[in-house]
Amino acid sequence: MNNNLNNVDMDREASLMAKNQLLYNAYVQQVNHEIRMLRVGIDGRV
């Protein structure tokens, strides 16, 4: 617990938020890739 009676660790929260952002970006890239591959399969072109 901090001096202000708050048990939130801002460094840890910022670190977790950065980790979540990286994971989110990776998942979005993967989904976009899958969608592009589906379009190639349907349209037959890139």
N, C-alpha and C. Protein backbone atom coordinates (compact mmCIF):
# COMPACT_ATOMS: atom_id res chain seq x y z
N MET A 1 0.85 -1.18 0.00
CA MET A 1 0.00 0.00 0.00
C MET A 1 0.89 1.24 0.00
N ASN A 2 0.49 2.20 -0.78
CA ASN A 2 1.26 3.45 -0.89
C ASN A 2 0.92 4.39 0.26
N ASN A 3 1.63 5.50 0.31
CA ASN A 3 1.39 6.50 1.35
C ASN A 3 0.00 7.12 1.25
N ASN A 4 -0.57 7.12 0.04
CA ASN A 4 -1.89 7.73 -0.14
C ASN A 4 -3.02 6.72 0.03
N LEU A 5 -2.74 5.57 0.64
CA LEU A 5 -3.71 4.51 0.91
C LEU A 5 -4.26 3.88 -0.37
N ASN A 6 -3.54 4.03 -1.45
CA ASN A 6 -3.94 3.47 -2.74
C ASN A 6 -3.01 2.30 -3.04
N ASN A 7 -3.56 1.14 -3.36
CA ASN A 7 -2.72 -0.02 -3.61
C ASN A 7 -2.48 -0.27 -5.10
N VAL A 8 -2.73 0.72 -5.94
CA VAL A 8 -2.51 0.60 -7.38
C VAL A 8 -1.05 0.94 -7.69
N ASP A 9 -0.37 0.02 -8.37
CA ASP A 9 1.01 0.24 -8.79
C ASP A 9 0.99 0.72 -10.24
N MET A 10 1.23 2.00 -10.44
CA MET A 10 1.12 2.59 -11.77
C MET A 10 2.11 1.97 -12.76
N ASP A 11 3.31 1.64 -12.32
CA ASP A 11 4.29 1.02 -13.22
C ASP A 11 3.79 -0.34 -13.70
N ARG A 12 3.24 -1.13 -12.78
CA ARG A 12 2.71 -2.44 -13.15
C ARG A 12 1.52 -2.30 -14.08
N GLU A 13 0.63 -1.37 -13.80
CA GLU A 13 -0.54 -1.15 -14.65
C GLU A 13 -0.12 -0.71 -16.05
N ALA A 14 0.86 0.17 -16.14
CA ALA A 14 1.34 0.62 -17.45
C ALA A 14 1.99 -0.52 -18.21
N SER A 15 2.72 -1.37 -17.50
CA SER A 15 3.35 -2.53 -18.12
C SER A 15 2.30 -3.50 -18.65
N LEU A 16 1.28 -3.77 -17.86
CA LEU A 16 0.20 -4.67 -18.30
C LEU A 16 -0.55 -4.09 -19.49
N MET A 17 -0.76 -2.78 -19.48
CA MET A 17 -1.46 -2.14 -20.59
C MET A 17 -0.64 -2.24 -21.87
N ALA A 18 0.67 -2.05 -21.78
CA ALA A 18 1.53 -2.18 -22.96
C ALA A 18 1.53 -3.61 -23.48
N LYS A 19 1.57 -4.57 -22.58
CA LYS A 19 1.52 -5.98 -22.98
C LYS A 19 0.20 -6.29 -23.69
N ASN A 20 -0.90 -5.82 -23.13
CA ASN A 20 -2.20 -6.04 -23.75
C ASN A 20 -2.30 -5.39 -25.11
N GLN A 21 -1.71 -4.21 -25.27
CA GLN A 21 -1.73 -3.52 -26.56
C GLN A 21 -0.95 -4.31 -27.60
N LEU A 22 0.19 -4.85 -27.22
CA LEU A 22 0.98 -5.67 -28.15
C LEU A 22 0.21 -6.92 -28.56
N LEU A 23 -0.41 -7.58 -27.60
CA LEU A 23 -1.19 -8.78 -27.92
C LEU A 23 -2.37 -8.43 -28.83
N TYR A 24 -3.05 -7.35 -28.53
CA TYR A 24 -4.19 -6.91 -29.35
C TYR A 24 -3.74 -6.65 -30.79
N ASN A 25 -2.63 -5.93 -30.95
CA ASN A 25 -2.13 -5.64 -32.29
C ASN A 25 -1.77 -6.92 -33.05
N ALA A 26 -1.17 -7.87 -32.36
CA ALA A 26 -0.82 -9.14 -33.00
C ALA A 26 -2.07 -9.89 -33.44
N TYR A 27 -3.09 -9.90 -32.60
CA TYR A 27 -4.34 -10.59 -32.96
C TYR A 27 -5.03 -9.90 -34.13
N VAL A 28 -5.02 -8.59 -34.14
CA VAL A 28 -5.64 -7.86 -35.25
C VAL A 28 -4.91 -8.16 -36.56
N GLN A 29 -3.59 -8.20 -36.52
CA GLN A 29 -2.82 -8.54 -37.72
C GLN A 29 -3.14 -9.95 -38.19
N GLN A 30 -3.28 -10.88 -37.27
CA GLN A 30 -3.60 -12.27 -37.64
C GLN A 30 -4.98 -12.35 -38.28
N VAL A 31 -5.96 -11.68 -37.70
CA VAL A 31 -7.31 -11.70 -38.27
C VAL A 31 -7.31 -11.05 -39.64
N ASN A 32 -6.60 -9.95 -39.80
CA ASN A 32 -6.52 -9.30 -41.12
C ASN A 32 -5.89 -10.23 -42.15
N HIS A 33 -4.88 -10.96 -41.74
CA HIS A 33 -4.23 -11.91 -42.65
C HIS A 33 -5.21 -13.01 -43.05
N GLU A 34 -5.95 -13.52 -42.10
CA GLU A 34 -6.93 -14.57 -42.40
C GLU A 34 -8.00 -14.06 -43.36
N ILE A 35 -8.46 -12.84 -43.16
CA ILE A 35 -9.46 -12.25 -44.05
C ILE A 35 -8.90 -12.09 -45.45
N ARG A 36 -7.64 -11.62 -45.55
CA ARG A 36 -7.02 -11.48 -46.88
C ARG A 36 -6.92 -12.83 -47.57
N MET A 37 -6.57 -13.87 -46.83
CA MET A 37 -6.45 -15.21 -47.42
C MET A 37 -7.82 -15.72 -47.88
N LEU A 38 -8.86 -15.44 -47.12
CA LEU A 38 -10.21 -15.82 -47.55
C LEU A 38 -10.61 -15.09 -48.83
N ARG A 39 -10.27 -13.81 -48.92
CA ARG A 39 -10.59 -13.04 -50.13
C ARG A 39 -9.84 -13.59 -51.34
N VAL A 40 -8.58 -13.98 -51.13
CA VAL A 40 -7.80 -14.57 -52.23
C VAL A 40 -8.47 -15.86 -52.68
N GLY A 41 -8.92 -16.66 -51.72
CA GLY A 41 -9.57 -17.91 -52.06
C GLY A 41 -10.90 -17.70 -52.78
N ILE A 42 -11.62 -16.68 -52.43
CA ILE A 42 -12.92 -16.42 -53.06
C ILE A 42 -12.75 -15.73 -54.41
N ASP A 43 -11.94 -14.68 -54.44
CA ASP A 43 -11.74 -13.89 -55.66
C ASP A 43 -10.74 -14.51 -56.61
N GLY A 44 -9.78 -15.23 -56.09
CA GLY A 44 -8.73 -15.82 -56.92
C GLY A 44 -7.61 -14.86 -57.27
N ARG A 45 -7.61 -13.70 -56.64
CA ARG A 45 -6.56 -12.72 -56.89
C ARG A 45 -6.23 -11.97 -55.61
N VAL A 46 -5.11 -11.29 -55.63
CA VAL A 46 -4.64 -10.59 -54.42
C VAL A 46 -5.18 -9.20 -54.36
